[in-house]
C-alpha atoms as a PDB file:
ATOM      1  CA  MET A   1      61.939  28.897 -14.348  1.00  0.00           C
ATOM      2  CA  ALA A   2      61.005  30.869 -11.320  1.00  0.00           C
ATOM      3  CA  ASP A   3      62.313  30.382  -7.855  1.00  0.00           C
ATOM      4  CA  ARG A   4      65.905  29.665  -8.953  1.00  0.00           C
ATOM      5  CA  ARG A   5      68.567  29.697  -6.226  1.00  0.00           C
ATOM      6  CA  LEU A   6      72.239  29.502  -6.000  1.00  0.00           C
ATOM      7  CA  MET A   7      73.474  25.995  -6.377  1.00  0.00           C
ATOM      8  CA  LYS A   8      76.797  24.661  -5.193  1.00  0.00           C
ATOM      9  CA  LEU A   9      77.789  21.472  -7.071  1.00  0.00           C
ATOM     10  CA  ALA A  10      80.568  18.909  -6.942  1.00  0.00           C
ATOM     11  CA  LEU A  11      81.197  16.563  -9.857  1.00  0.00           C
ATOM     12  CA  GLY A  12      83.629  13.651  -9.747  1.00  0.00           C
ATOM     13  CA  LYS A  13      86.118  12.763 -12.465  1.00  0.00           C
ATOM     14  CA  GLY A  14      84.246  12.088 -15.726  1.00  0.00           C
ATOM     15  CA  GLU A  15      80.780  12.899 -14.350  1.00  0.00           C
ATOM     16  CA  SER A  16      78.298  15.039 -16.214  1.00  0.00           C
ATOM     17  CA  GLN A  17      75.144  16.863 -15.223  1.00  0.00           C
ATOM     18  CA  ARG A  18      72.486  18.736 -17.426  1.00  0.00           C
ATOM     19  CA  PHE A  19      70.687  21.805 -16.075  1.00  0.00           C
ATOM     20  CA  LEU A  20      68.043  24.139 -17.265  1.00  0.00           C
ATOM     21  CA  VAL A  21      69.244  27.787 -16.773  1.00  0.00           C
ATOM     22  CA  ASP A  22      67.853  31.267 -17.403  1.00  0.00           C
ATOM     23  CA  ALA A  23      69.594  33.801 -19.561  1.00  0.00           C
ATOM     24  CA  GLY A  24      72.142  35.679 -17.401  1.00  0.00           C
ATOM     25  CA  THR A  25      73.047  32.669 -15.206  1.00  0.00           C
ATOM     26  CA  THR A  26      76.694  32.730 -14.050  1.00  0.00           C
ATOM     27  CA  VAL A  27      78.780  29.480 -13.931  1.00  0.00           C
ATOM     28  CA  LEU A  28      81.727  29.997 -11.433  1.00  0.00           C
ATOM     29  CA  VAL A  29      84.295  27.260 -11.159  1.00  0.00           C
ATOM     30  CA  ILE A  30      85.651  27.067  -7.464  1.00  0.00           C
ATOM     31  CA  SER A  31      88.221  24.376  -8.147  1.00  0.00           C
ATOM     32  CA  GLY A  32      88.992  21.866 -10.960  1.00  0.00           C
ATOM     33  CA  CYS A  33      88.262  22.066 -14.616  1.00  0.00           C
ATOM     34  CA  LEU A  34      84.926  21.928 -16.417  1.00  0.00           C
ATOM     35  CA  VAL A  35      83.583  21.711 -20.023  1.00  0.00           C
ATOM     36  CA  LEU A  36      80.329  23.494 -20.447  1.00  0.00           C
ATOM     37  CA  ARG A  37      78.189  22.764 -23.456  1.00  0.00           C
ATOM     38  CA  GLY A  38      75.119  24.667 -24.606  1.00  0.00           C
ATOM     39  CA  PRO A  39      72.613  26.064 -24.554  1.00  0.00           C
ATOM     40  CA  LEU A  40      71.724  25.255 -28.255  1.00  0.00           C
ATOM     41  CA  VAL A  41      72.087  28.118 -30.777  1.00  0.00           C
ATOM     42  CA  TRP A  42      71.367  28.396 -34.497  1.00  0.00           C
ATOM     43  CA  LEU A  43      74.544  28.401 -36.840  1.00  0.00           C
ATOM     44  CA  ALA A  44      73.435  28.784 -40.439  1.00  0.00           C
ATOM     45  CA  GLU A  45      70.745  26.152 -40.665  1.00  0.00           C
ATOM     46  CA  SER A  46      71.879  23.962 -37.908  1.00  0.00           C
ATOM     47  CA  MET A  47      71.561  23.749 -34.187  1.00  0.00           C
ATOM     48  CA  VAL A  48      74.869  23.612 -32.365  1.00  0.00           C
ATOM     49  CA  ALA A  49      75.950  23.493 -28.737  1.00  0.00           C
ATOM     50  CA  PRO A  50      78.904  25.879 -28.109  1.00  0.00           C
ATOM     51  CA  GLU A  51      81.581  24.480 -25.826  1.00  0.00           C
ATOM     52  CA  GLN A  52      83.614  26.412 -23.283  1.00  0.00           C
ATOM     53  CA  ARG A  53      86.383  25.145 -21.064  1.00  0.00           C
ATOM     54  CA  LEU A  54      86.591  26.727 -17.629  1.00  0.00           C
ATOM     55  CA  GLY A  55      89.386  26.314 -14.998  1.00  0.00           C
ATOM     56  CA  THR A  56      89.790  27.154 -11.271  1.00  0.00           C
ATOM     57  CA  GLU A  57      88.326  30.594 -10.471  1.00  0.00           C
ATOM     58  CA  GLN A  58      87.010  31.237 -13.944  1.00  0.00           C
ATOM     59  CA  SER A  59      83.450  32.170 -14.684  1.00  0.00           C
ATOM     60  CA  LEU A  60      81.045  32.434 -17.675  1.00  0.00           C
ATOM     61  CA  VAL A  61      77.772  34.287 -18.002  1.00  0.00           C
ATOM     62  CA  ILE A  62      75.338  32.307 -20.105  1.00  0.00           C
ATOM     63  CA  SER A  63      73.694  34.872 -22.515  1.00  0.00           C
ATOM     64  CA  ASP A  64      70.785  32.610 -23.645  1.00  0.00           C
ATOM     65  CA  GLY A  65      68.650  30.412 -21.421  1.00  0.00           C
ATOM     66  CA  GLY A  66      68.238  26.705 -22.095  1.00  0.00           C
ATOM     67  CA  TRP A  67      69.863  23.353 -21.280  1.00  0.00           C
ATOM     68  CA  ILE A  68      73.533  23.157 -20.489  1.00  0.00           C
ATOM     69  CA  ASP A  69      75.747  20.162 -19.904  1.00  0.00           C
ATOM     70  CA  LEU A  70      78.443  20.373 -17.351  1.00  0.00           C
ATOM     71  CA  LEU A  71      81.269  17.768 -17.885  1.00  0.00           C
ATOM     72  CA  ALA A  72      83.895  17.344 -15.232  1.00  0.00           C
ATOM     73  CA  GLY A  73      87.639  16.722 -16.265  1.00  0.00           C
ATOM     74  CA  ASP A  74      89.013  15.686 -12.942  1.00  0.00           C
ATOM     75  CA  GLY A  75      86.910  16.661  -9.988  1.00  0.00           C
ATOM     76  CA  VAL A  76      85.270  20.001  -9.999  1.00  0.00           C
ATOM     77  CA  GLU A  77      83.409  22.252  -7.598  1.00  0.00           C
ATOM     78  CA  LEU A  78      81.222  25.157  -9.036  1.00  0.00           C
ATOM     79  CA  LEU A  79      78.400  27.527  -8.308  1.00  0.00           C
ATOM     80  CA  LEU A  80      75.410  28.073 -10.589  1.00  0.00           C
ATOM     81  CA  ILE A  81      74.337  31.678  -9.927  1.00  0.00           C
ATOM     82  CA  PRO A  82      70.922  32.701 -11.169  1.00  0.00           C
ATOM     83  CA  PRO A  83      70.611  36.238 -12.665  1.00  0.00           C
ATOM     84  CA  GLU A  84      68.425  37.702 -10.018  1.00  0.00           C
ATOM     85  CA  SER A  85      70.787  37.008  -7.288  1.00  0.00           C
ATOM     86  CA  GLY A  86      73.372  39.825  -8.161  1.00  0.00           C
ATOM     87  CA  LEU A  87      73.716  40.746  -4.593  1.00  0.00           C
ATOM     88  CA  LEU A  88      74.544  37.294  -3.589  1.00  0.00           C
ATOM     89  CA  TRP A  89      77.082  36.970  -6.442  1.00  0.00           C
ATOM     90  CA  LYS A  90      78.879  40.065  -5.067  1.00  0.00           C
ATOM     91  CA  GLN A  91      78.838  38.547  -1.658  1.00  0.00           C
ATOM     92  CA  ALA A  92      80.369  35.384  -2.930  1.00  0.00           C
ATOM     93  CA  VAL A  93      83.109  37.206  -4.765  1.00  0.00           C
ATOM     94  CA  ARG A  94      83.822  39.212  -1.585  1.00  0.00           C
ATOM     95  CA  CYS A  95      83.924  35.987   0.349  1.00  0.00           C
ATOM     96  CA  LEU A  96      86.347  34.276  -2.108  1.00  0.00           C
ATOM     97  CA  GLY A  97      88.474  37.402  -2.147  1.00  0.00           C
ATOM     98  CA  GLY A  98      88.719  37.200   1.668  1.00  0.00           C
ATOM     99  CA  MET A  99      89.651  33.431   1.455  1.00  0.00           C
ATOM    100  CA  PHE A 100      92.503  34.188  -0.866  1.00  0.00           C
ATOM    101  CA  GLY A 101      93.647  37.335   1.036  1.00  0.00           C
ATOM    102  CA  ASN A 102      92.598  39.773  -1.612  1.00  0.00           C
ATOM    103  CA  GLU A 103      91.587  43.077  -0.053  1.00  0.00           C
ATOM    104  CA  GLN A 104      89.310  45.447  -1.907  1.00  0.00           C
ATOM    105  CA  PRO A 105      90.932  48.772  -2.872  1.00  0.00           C
ATOM    106  CA  GLY A 106      89.741  51.673  -0.583  1.00  0.00           C
ATOM    107  CA  ARG A 107      88.119  49.348   1.915  1.00  0.00           C
ATOM    108  CA  MET A 108      89.444  49.917   5.465  1.00  0.00           C
ATOM    109  CA  THR A 109      89.536  47.206   8.009  1.00  0.00           C
ATOM    110  CA  ALA A 110      89.330  47.721  11.670  1.00  0.00           C
ATOM    111  CA  PRO A 111      92.382  46.672  13.750  1.00  0.00           C
ATOM    112  CA  PRO A 112      91.959  43.595  15.737  1.00  0.00           C
ATOM    113  CA  SER A 113      90.429  44.407  19.235  1.00  0.00           C
ATOM    114  CA  SER A 114      92.503  43.392  22.377  1.00  0.00           C
END
């Protein structure tokens, strides 16, 4: 599973997609709602696919690698962020914070130049 890169996805109403992800991959929902199933885990003597519901601006770090299913409620836009791109993840959060007008505490911004 080498050479994983940040993936931006858009799923329409009712669409689903299956992806193979590494442990530590982050799923970040930009807009819409999403049901995430998997990866498979053992529960007693059975394999089950845990299910998580994520809404706008929610994220989930997938602890175990494997296949996940992404199911869109209405339309959904999301990012799949591989574990080795920690710096890129921080940049994405900073960018999203800037889009929504959230300033980082302790960070000074230069006044606009004339």
